[in-house]
């Protein structure tokens, strides 16, 4: 995997905290930015 589980969770939770994204949009956004 391009990102470790802990890093992915940290990014996802940070995005949720800062921007209030719901899980699916956040997941799609992370997938777009993943290498």
C-alpha atoms as a PDB file:
ATOM      1  CA  UNK A   1       0.000   0.000   0.000  1.00  0.00           C
ATOM      2  CA  UNK A   2       1.199   3.561  -0.744  1.00  0.00           C
ATOM      3  CA  UNK A   3       0.239   4.673   2.782  1.00  0.00           C
ATOM      4  CA  UNK A   4       0.447   2.852   6.087  1.00  0.00           C
ATOM      5  CA  UNK A   5      -2.803   2.238   7.944  1.00  0.00           C
ATOM      6  CA  UNK A   6      -1.898   4.718  10.688  1.00  0.00           C
ATOM      7  CA  UNK A   7      -0.972   7.459   8.194  1.00  0.00           C
ATOM      8  CA  UNK A   8      -4.198   6.910   6.210  1.00  0.00           C
ATOM      9  CA  UNK A   9      -6.289   7.079   9.371  1.00  0.00           C
ATOM     10  CA  UNK A  10      -4.484  10.206  10.556  1.00  0.00           C
ATOM     11  CA  UNK A  11      -5.085  11.971   7.241  1.00  0.00           C
ATOM     12  CA  UNK A  12      -8.707  10.849   7.073  1.00  0.00           C
ATOM     13  CA  UNK A  13      -9.481  11.861  10.643  1.00  0.00           C
ATOM     14  CA  UNK A  14      -7.676  15.188  10.172  1.00  0.00           C
ATOM     15  CA  UNK A  15      -9.757  15.921   7.084  1.00  0.00           C
ATOM     16  CA  UNK A  16     -12.938  14.933   8.889  1.00  0.00           C
ATOM     17  CA  UNK A  17     -11.994  17.153  11.832  1.00  0.00           C
ATOM     18  CA  UNK A  18     -11.000  20.215   9.803  1.00  0.00           C
ATOM     19  CA  UNK A  19     -13.498  20.116   6.952  1.00  0.00           C
ATOM     20  CA  UNK A  20     -16.369  18.037   8.279  1.00  0.00           C
ATOM     21  CA  UNK A  21     -16.234  15.643   5.328  1.00  0.00           C
ATOM     22  CA  UNK A  22     -18.332  12.505   5.580  1.00  0.00           C
ATOM     23  CA  UNK A  23     -16.450   9.174   5.349  1.00  0.00           C
ATOM     24  CA  UNK A  24     -17.220   8.473   1.675  1.00  0.00           C
ATOM     25  CA  UNK A  25     -16.191  11.900   0.275  1.00  0.00           C
ATOM     26  CA  UNK A  26     -13.064  11.813   2.448  1.00  0.00           C
ATOM     27  CA  UNK A  27     -12.232   8.323   1.195  1.00  0.00           C
ATOM     28  CA  UNK A  28     -12.710   9.407  -2.435  1.00  0.00           C
ATOM     29  CA  UNK A  29     -10.527  12.472  -1.880  1.00  0.00           C
ATOM     30  CA  UNK A  30      -7.734  10.385  -0.365  1.00  0.00           C
ATOM     31  CA  UNK A  31      -7.974   7.934  -3.274  1.00  0.00           C
ATOM     32  CA  UNK A  32      -7.627  10.810  -5.747  1.00  0.00           C
ATOM     33  CA  UNK A  33      -4.453  12.035  -4.045  1.00  0.00           C
ATOM     34  CA  UNK A  34      -2.950   8.564  -3.509  1.00  0.00           C
ATOM     35  CA  UNK A  35      -0.096   7.682  -5.868  1.00  0.00           C
END
